[in-house]
Amino acid sequence: MKRFLLGVPLLFAVTNLLAQTTDDSPSAGDAAAGLIGGTCGCIFFLVVMGIWIALAVWVYKDAKSRGMDNAILLTIVTVVTGLLGLVLYLLMRPKGNLVLCPSCQKKRMEGSAKCPHCGNP
């Protein structure tokens, strides 16, 4: 994932080079090509960042629902390492079904003694 994000500035540089001409008068087509390339690069970057943030939020909520004490640490590891952190989290999380707590209506592990959100049995 880091290599991917490091490639985004390269994408901007390549589109800028392709939009340049050898003469001193840029044409409208060159400007449009640079604008389209830059816009596509920005949209692509925003989509990747949105997926990354959604992944971090899911890891935090799932770890909290499963009663894991280190939910914040796992989220930070997932954000820093990307897909490797997600694989590590999926391997170490407690297995089991999530059910709704009758008190707070948030998800918790099926066999847990108390809800990690509200503390009720």
N, C-alpha and C. Protein backbone atom coordinates (compact mmCIF):
# COMPACT_ATOMS: atom_id res chain seq x y z
N MET A 1 0.83 -1.18 0.00
CA MET A 1 0.00 0.00 0.00
C MET A 1 0.88 1.25 0.00
N LYS A 2 2.02 1.18 0.71
CA LYS A 2 2.91 2.34 0.74
C LYS A 2 3.48 2.61 -0.65
N ARG A 3 3.84 1.55 -1.36
CA ARG A 3 4.36 1.74 -2.71
C ARG A 3 3.31 2.38 -3.60
N PHE A 4 2.06 1.99 -3.38
CA PHE A 4 0.98 2.55 -4.17
C PHE A 4 0.87 4.05 -3.92
N LEU A 5 0.90 4.45 -2.64
CA LEU A 5 0.78 5.87 -2.32
C LEU A 5 1.99 6.66 -2.75
N LEU A 6 3.15 6.02 -2.78
CA LEU A 6 4.33 6.71 -3.28
C LEU A 6 4.27 6.88 -4.80
N GLY A 7 3.48 6.08 -5.47
CA GLY A 7 3.34 6.20 -6.91
C GLY A 7 2.41 7.32 -7.35
N VAL A 8 1.60 7.85 -6.42
CA VAL A 8 0.67 8.93 -6.77
C VAL A 8 1.41 10.18 -7.21
N PRO A 9 2.47 10.65 -6.49
CA PRO A 9 3.21 11.81 -7.01
C PRO A 9 3.84 11.53 -8.37
N LEU A 10 4.26 10.29 -8.60
CA LEU A 10 4.81 9.94 -9.90
C LEU A 10 3.75 10.09 -10.99
N LEU A 11 2.51 9.73 -10.68
CA LEU A 11 1.42 9.90 -11.63
C LEU A 11 1.23 11.37 -11.98
N PHE A 12 1.30 12.24 -10.97
CA PHE A 12 1.17 13.67 -11.24
C PHE A 12 2.32 14.18 -12.10
N ALA A 13 3.54 13.70 -11.84
CA ALA A 13 4.69 14.14 -12.62
C ALA A 13 4.58 13.69 -14.07
N VAL A 14 4.13 12.46 -14.28
CA VAL A 14 4.01 11.94 -15.65
C VAL A 14 2.95 12.70 -16.43
N THR A 15 1.80 12.97 -15.79
CA THR A 15 0.76 13.72 -16.51
C THR A 15 1.21 15.14 -16.81
N ASN A 16 2.02 15.72 -15.93
CA ASN A 16 2.54 17.06 -16.19
C ASN A 16 3.51 17.04 -17.36
N LEU A 17 4.37 16.03 -17.42
CA LEU A 17 5.31 15.93 -18.53
C LEU A 17 4.60 15.67 -19.86
N LEU A 18 3.55 14.87 -19.83
CA LEU A 18 2.81 14.59 -21.06
C LEU A 18 2.04 15.81 -21.55
N ALA A 19 1.67 16.69 -20.63
CA ALA A 19 0.91 17.86 -21.02
C ALA A 19 1.81 18.97 -21.59
N GLN A 20 3.12 18.87 -21.41
CA GLN A 20 4.03 19.90 -21.90
C GLN A 20 4.35 19.68 -23.37
N THR A 21 4.61 20.78 -24.05
CA THR A 21 4.97 20.72 -25.47
C THR A 21 6.38 21.25 -25.66
N THR A 22 6.91 21.07 -26.86
CA THR A 22 8.27 21.54 -27.14
C THR A 22 8.29 23.01 -27.52
N ASP A 23 7.18 23.53 -28.03
CA ASP A 23 7.16 24.96 -28.38
C ASP A 23 6.69 25.78 -27.18
N ASP A 24 6.75 27.10 -27.33
CA ASP A 24 6.42 27.99 -26.21
C ASP A 24 4.94 28.25 -26.06
N SER A 25 4.13 27.89 -27.04
CA SER A 25 2.70 28.20 -26.95
C SER A 25 1.91 26.92 -26.69
N PRO A 26 1.43 26.75 -25.45
CA PRO A 26 0.63 25.56 -25.16
C PRO A 26 -0.75 25.66 -25.81
N SER A 27 -1.23 24.53 -26.27
CA SER A 27 -2.54 24.52 -26.91
C SER A 27 -3.60 24.13 -25.89
N ALA A 28 -4.83 24.28 -26.29
CA ALA A 28 -5.95 23.93 -25.41
C ALA A 28 -5.99 22.43 -25.16
N GLY A 29 -5.57 21.65 -26.13
CA GLY A 29 -5.55 20.20 -25.96
C GLY A 29 -4.53 19.77 -24.91
N ASP A 30 -3.40 20.44 -24.87
CA ASP A 30 -2.38 20.12 -23.87
C ASP A 30 -2.88 20.47 -22.47
N ALA A 31 -3.52 21.60 -22.35
CA ALA A 31 -4.05 22.01 -21.04
C ALA A 31 -5.14 21.05 -20.58
N ALA A 32 -5.99 20.62 -21.51
CA ALA A 32 -7.07 19.69 -21.16
C ALA A 32 -6.49 18.34 -20.74
N ALA A 33 -5.42 17.90 -21.42
CA ALA A 33 -4.81 16.62 -21.07
C ALA A 33 -4.21 16.69 -19.67
N GLY A 34 -3.56 17.78 -19.33
CA GLY A 34 -3.01 17.94 -17.99
C GLY A 34 -4.09 18.01 -16.94
N LEU A 35 -5.18 18.71 -17.24
CA LEU A 35 -6.29 18.82 -16.29
C LEU A 35 -6.97 17.48 -16.07
N ILE A 36 -7.18 16.73 -17.14
CA ILE A 36 -7.82 15.43 -17.02
C ILE A 36 -6.92 14.46 -16.24
N GLY A 37 -5.63 14.45 -16.56
CA GLY A 37 -4.70 13.56 -15.85
C GLY A 37 -4.61 13.90 -14.37
N GLY A 38 -4.53 15.17 -14.05
CA GLY A 38 -4.48 15.58 -12.65
C GLY A 38 -5.76 15.27 -11.91
N THR A 39 -6.90 15.47 -12.56
CA THR A 39 -8.18 15.17 -11.92
C THR A 39 -8.34 13.67 -11.66
N CYS A 40 -7.96 12.86 -12.64
CA CYS A 40 -8.04 11.41 -12.45
C CYS A 40 -7.12 10.96 -11.32
N GLY A 41 -5.94 11.55 -11.23
CA GLY A 41 -5.02 11.21 -10.15
C GLY A 41 -5.57 11.58 -8.79
N CYS A 42 -6.18 12.77 -8.71
CA CYS A 42 -6.78 13.21 -7.44
C CYS A 42 -7.95 12.32 -7.04
N ILE A 43 -8.80 11.98 -7.97
CA ILE A 43 -9.95 11.13 -7.66
C ILE A 43 -9.47 9.75 -7.21
N PHE A 44 -8.47 9.21 -7.89
CA PHE A 44 -7.92 7.91 -7.53
C PHE A 44 -7.34 7.95 -6.12
N PHE A 45 -6.60 9.00 -5.80
CA PHE A 45 -6.01 9.16 -4.48
C PHE A 45 -7.09 9.27 -3.41
N LEU A 46 -8.15 10.03 -3.66
CA LEU A 46 -9.24 10.17 -2.69
C LEU A 46 -9.98 8.86 -2.47
N VAL A 47 -10.16 8.08 -3.52
CA VAL A 47 -10.83 6.77 -3.38
C VAL A 47 -9.98 5.84 -2.52
N VAL A 48 -8.68 5.82 -2.75
CA VAL A 48 -7.79 4.96 -1.96
C VAL A 48 -7.79 5.40 -0.50
N MET A 49 -7.74 6.69 -0.25
CA MET A 49 -7.77 7.19 1.13
C MET A 49 -9.10 6.86 1.81
N GLY A 50 -10.20 6.94 1.07
CA GLY A 50 -11.50 6.59 1.62
C GLY A 50 -11.58 5.12 2.01
N ILE A 51 -11.03 4.26 1.16
CA ILE A 51 -11.00 2.83 1.48
C ILE A 51 -10.13 2.58 2.70
N TRP A 52 -9.01 3.26 2.79
CA TRP A 52 -8.10 3.11 3.91
C TRP A 52 -8.77 3.53 5.23
N ILE A 53 -9.46 4.66 5.20
CA ILE A 53 -10.16 5.14 6.41
C ILE A 53 -11.29 4.20 6.78
N ALA A 54 -12.04 3.72 5.79
CA ALA A 54 -13.13 2.78 6.08
C ALA A 54 -12.58 1.49 6.68
N LEU A 55 -11.44 1.03 6.22
CA LEU A 55 -10.80 -0.17 6.76
C LEU A 55 -10.42 0.05 8.22
N ALA A 56 -9.85 1.21 8.53
CA ALA A 56 -9.46 1.51 9.91
C ALA A 56 -10.68 1.58 10.82
N VAL A 57 -11.76 2.20 10.37
CA VAL A 57 -12.98 2.28 11.17
C VAL A 57 -13.56 0.90 11.40
N TRP A 58 -13.57 0.05 10.38
CA TRP A 58 -14.10 -1.31 10.53
C TRP A 58 -13.29 -2.11 11.53
N VAL A 59 -11.95 -2.02 11.44
CA VAL A 59 -11.10 -2.76 12.37
C VAL A 59 -11.37 -2.30 13.80
N TYR A 60 -11.48 -1.00 14.02
CA TYR A 60 -11.72 -0.50 15.37
C TYR A 60 -13.08 -0.98 15.91
N LYS A 61 -14.12 -0.85 15.11
CA LYS A 61 -15.45 -1.26 15.57
C LYS A 61 -15.52 -2.77 15.81
N ASP A 62 -14.91 -3.55 14.94
CA ASP A 62 -14.94 -5.00 15.10
C ASP A 62 -14.15 -5.43 16.33
N ALA A 63 -12.98 -4.83 16.54
CA ALA A 63 -12.18 -5.18 17.71
C ALA A 63 -12.89 -4.78 19.00
N LYS A 64 -13.54 -3.64 18.99
CA LYS A 64 -14.29 -3.19 20.17
C LYS A 64 -15.48 -4.11 20.43
N SER A 65 -16.17 -4.52 19.39
CA SER A 65 -17.32 -5.41 19.54
C SER A 65 -16.92 -6.78 20.06
N ARG A 66 -15.72 -7.21 19.72
CA ARG A 66 -15.26 -8.52 20.16
C ARG A 66 -14.60 -8.45 21.54
N GLY A 67 -14.63 -7.27 22.17
CA GLY A 67 -14.12 -7.14 23.53
C GLY A 67 -12.61 -7.11 23.63
N MET A 68 -11.93 -6.76 22.58
CA MET A 68 -10.46 -6.71 22.61
C MET A 68 -10.03 -5.41 23.28
N ASP A 69 -9.10 -5.51 24.22
CA ASP A 69 -8.65 -4.33 24.96
C ASP A 69 -7.75 -3.42 24.14
N ASN A 70 -7.07 -3.95 23.16
CA ASN A 70 -6.12 -3.17 22.37
C ASN A 70 -6.69 -2.77 21.00
N ALA A 71 -7.93 -2.32 20.96
CA ALA A 71 -8.57 -1.96 19.69
C ALA A 71 -7.88 -0.78 19.02
N ILE A 72 -7.45 0.20 19.80
CA ILE A 72 -6.80 1.38 19.23
C ILE A 72 -5.44 1.00 18.65
N LEU A 73 -4.69 0.18 19.37
CA LEU A 73 -3.39 -0.25 18.88
C LEU A 73 -3.52 -1.05 17.59
N LEU A 74 -4.50 -1.94 17.53
CA LEU A 74 -4.72 -2.71 16.31
C LEU A 74 -5.12 -1.82 15.14
N THR A 75 -5.90 -0.79 15.43
CA THR A 75 -6.29 0.15 14.37
C THR A 75 -5.07 0.91 13.86
N ILE A 76 -4.20 1.35 14.76
CA ILE A 76 -3.00 2.08 14.34
C ILE A 76 -2.09 1.17 13.50
N VAL A 77 -1.93 -0.07 13.93
CA VAL A 77 -1.10 -1.01 13.16
C VAL A 77 -1.69 -1.23 11.78
N THR A 78 -3.01 -1.33 11.69
CA THR A 78 -3.67 -1.53 10.40
C THR A 78 -3.49 -0.30 9.50
N VAL A 79 -3.59 0.89 10.07
CA VAL A 79 -3.42 2.11 9.27
C VAL A 79 -1.99 2.21 8.75
N VAL A 80 -1.01 1.90 9.60
CA VAL A 80 0.39 2.06 9.20
C VAL A 80 0.81 0.98 8.19
N THR A 81 0.40 -0.26 8.41
CA THR A 81 0.88 -1.35 7.56
C THR A 81 -0.08 -1.72 6.43
N GLY A 82 -1.30 -1.21 6.46
CA GLY A 82 -2.24 -1.47 5.37
C GLY A 82 -2.79 -2.89 5.40
N LEU A 83 -2.70 -3.57 4.25
CA LEU A 83 -3.28 -4.90 4.13
C LEU A 83 -2.59 -5.93 5.03
N LEU A 84 -1.31 -5.75 5.29
CA LEU A 84 -0.61 -6.66 6.20
C LEU A 84 -1.21 -6.57 7.60
N GLY A 85 -1.51 -5.36 8.05
CA GLY A 85 -2.15 -5.19 9.36
C GLY A 85 -3.53 -5.79 9.40
N LEU A 86 -4.26 -5.70 8.30
CA LEU A 86 -5.59 -6.31 8.25
C LEU A 86 -5.49 -7.82 8.36
N VAL A 87 -4.55 -8.42 7.65
CA VAL A 87 -4.37 -9.88 7.71
C VAL A 87 -3.97 -10.29 9.13
N LEU A 88 -3.06 -9.55 9.76
CA LEU A 88 -2.68 -9.86 11.14
C LEU A 88 -3.86 -9.76 12.08
N TYR A 89 -4.67 -8.73 11.90
CA TYR A 89 -5.85 -8.57 12.76
C TYR A 89 -6.82 -9.73 12.57
N LEU A 90 -7.07 -10.11 11.33
CA LEU A 90 -8.01 -11.19 11.07
C LEU A 90 -7.51 -12.52 11.63
N LEU A 91 -6.20 -12.70 11.70
CA LEU A 91 -5.65 -13.94 12.26
C LEU A 91 -5.71 -13.97 13.79
N MET A 92 -5.62 -12.80 14.43
CA MET A 92 -5.55 -12.80 15.89
C MET A 92 -6.87 -12.45 16.59
N ARG A 93 -7.88 -12.04 15.86
CA ARG A 93 -9.12 -11.68 16.53
C ARG A 93 -9.86 -12.92 17.03
N PRO A 94 -10.64 -12.77 18.10
CA PRO A 94 -11.39 -13.92 18.62
C PRO A 94 -12.44 -14.37 17.61
N LYS A 95 -12.55 -15.66 17.45
CA LYS A 95 -13.54 -16.21 16.52
C LYS A 95 -14.88 -16.32 17.23
N GLY A 96 -15.95 -16.15 16.51
CA GLY A 96 -17.28 -16.27 17.08
C GLY A 96 -18.25 -15.32 16.40
N ASN A 97 -19.52 -15.50 16.74
CA ASN A 97 -20.57 -14.67 16.14
C ASN A 97 -20.82 -13.43 16.99
N LEU A 98 -21.21 -12.37 16.32
CA LEU A 98 -21.60 -11.14 17.01
C LEU A 98 -23.12 -11.07 17.08
N VAL A 99 -23.63 -10.71 18.26
CA VAL A 99 -25.07 -10.56 18.46
C VAL A 99 -25.33 -9.18 19.06
N LEU A 100 -26.57 -8.73 18.98
CA LEU A 100 -26.93 -7.43 19.54
C LEU A 100 -27.10 -7.53 21.05
N CYS A 101 -26.58 -6.55 21.75
CA CYS A 101 -26.76 -6.48 23.20
C CYS A 101 -28.20 -6.01 23.47
N PRO A 102 -28.92 -6.66 24.39
CA PRO A 102 -30.30 -6.23 24.66
C PRO A 102 -30.37 -4.86 25.33
N SER A 103 -29.30 -4.42 25.97
CA SER A 103 -29.33 -3.14 26.67
C SER A 103 -29.01 -1.96 25.76
N CYS A 104 -27.87 -2.03 25.07
CA CYS A 104 -27.42 -0.87 24.28
C CYS A 104 -27.60 -1.04 22.77
N GLN A 105 -28.00 -2.21 22.31
CA GLN A 105 -28.24 -2.51 20.89
C GLN A 105 -26.98 -2.41 20.03
N LYS A 106 -25.80 -2.57 20.65
CA LYS A 106 -24.55 -2.63 19.90
C LYS A 106 -24.10 -4.08 19.83
N LYS A 107 -23.23 -4.39 18.88
CA LYS A 107 -22.79 -5.77 18.70
C LYS A 107 -21.77 -6.17 19.76
N ARG A 108 -21.87 -7.44 20.19
CA ARG A 108 -20.92 -8.03 21.12
C ARG A 108 -20.78 -9.50 20.79
N MET A 109 -19.75 -10.15 21.37
CA MET A 109 -19.54 -11.57 21.15
C MET A 109 -20.68 -12.37 21.77
N GLU A 110 -21.04 -13.46 21.14
CA GLU A 110 -22.18 -14.25 21.56
C GLU A 110 -22.00 -14.86 22.96
N GLY A 111 -20.85 -15.35 23.30
CA GLY A 111 -20.65 -16.02 24.58
C GLY A 111 -20.01 -15.15 25.65
N SER A 112 -19.90 -13.84 25.43
CA SER A 112 -19.21 -12.99 26.40
C SER A 112 -20.06 -12.78 27.65
N ALA A 113 -19.39 -12.63 28.79
CA ALA A 113 -20.07 -12.46 30.06
C ALA A 113 -20.76 -11.10 30.17
N LYS A 114 -20.12 -10.07 29.61
CA LYS A 114 -20.74 -8.74 29.66
C LYS A 114 -20.46 -8.00 28.36
N CYS A 115 -21.25 -7.01 28.09
CA CYS A 115 -21.11 -6.21 26.87
C CYS A 115 -19.90 -5.28 27.02
N PRO A 116 -19.03 -5.20 25.99
CA PRO A 116 -17.86 -4.30 26.11
C PRO A 116 -18.25 -2.83 25.99
N HIS A 117 -19.45 -2.53 25.52
CA HIS A 117 -19.88 -1.15 25.35
C HIS A 117 -20.55 -0.59 26.59
N CYS A 118 -21.51 -1.34 27.14
CA CYS A 118 -22.29 -0.83 28.27
C CYS A 118 -21.99 -1.55 29.58
N GLY A 119 -21.35 -2.71 29.53
CA GLY A 119 -20.98 -3.43 30.74
C GLY A 119 -22.08 -4.31 31.32
N ASN A 120 -23.26 -4.32 30.73
CA ASN A 120 -24.36 -5.16 31.24
C ASN A 120 -24.15 -6.61 30.82
N PRO A 121 -24.60 -7.57 31.67
CA PRO A 121 -24.46 -8.99 31.32
C PRO A 121 -25.40 -9.40 30.21
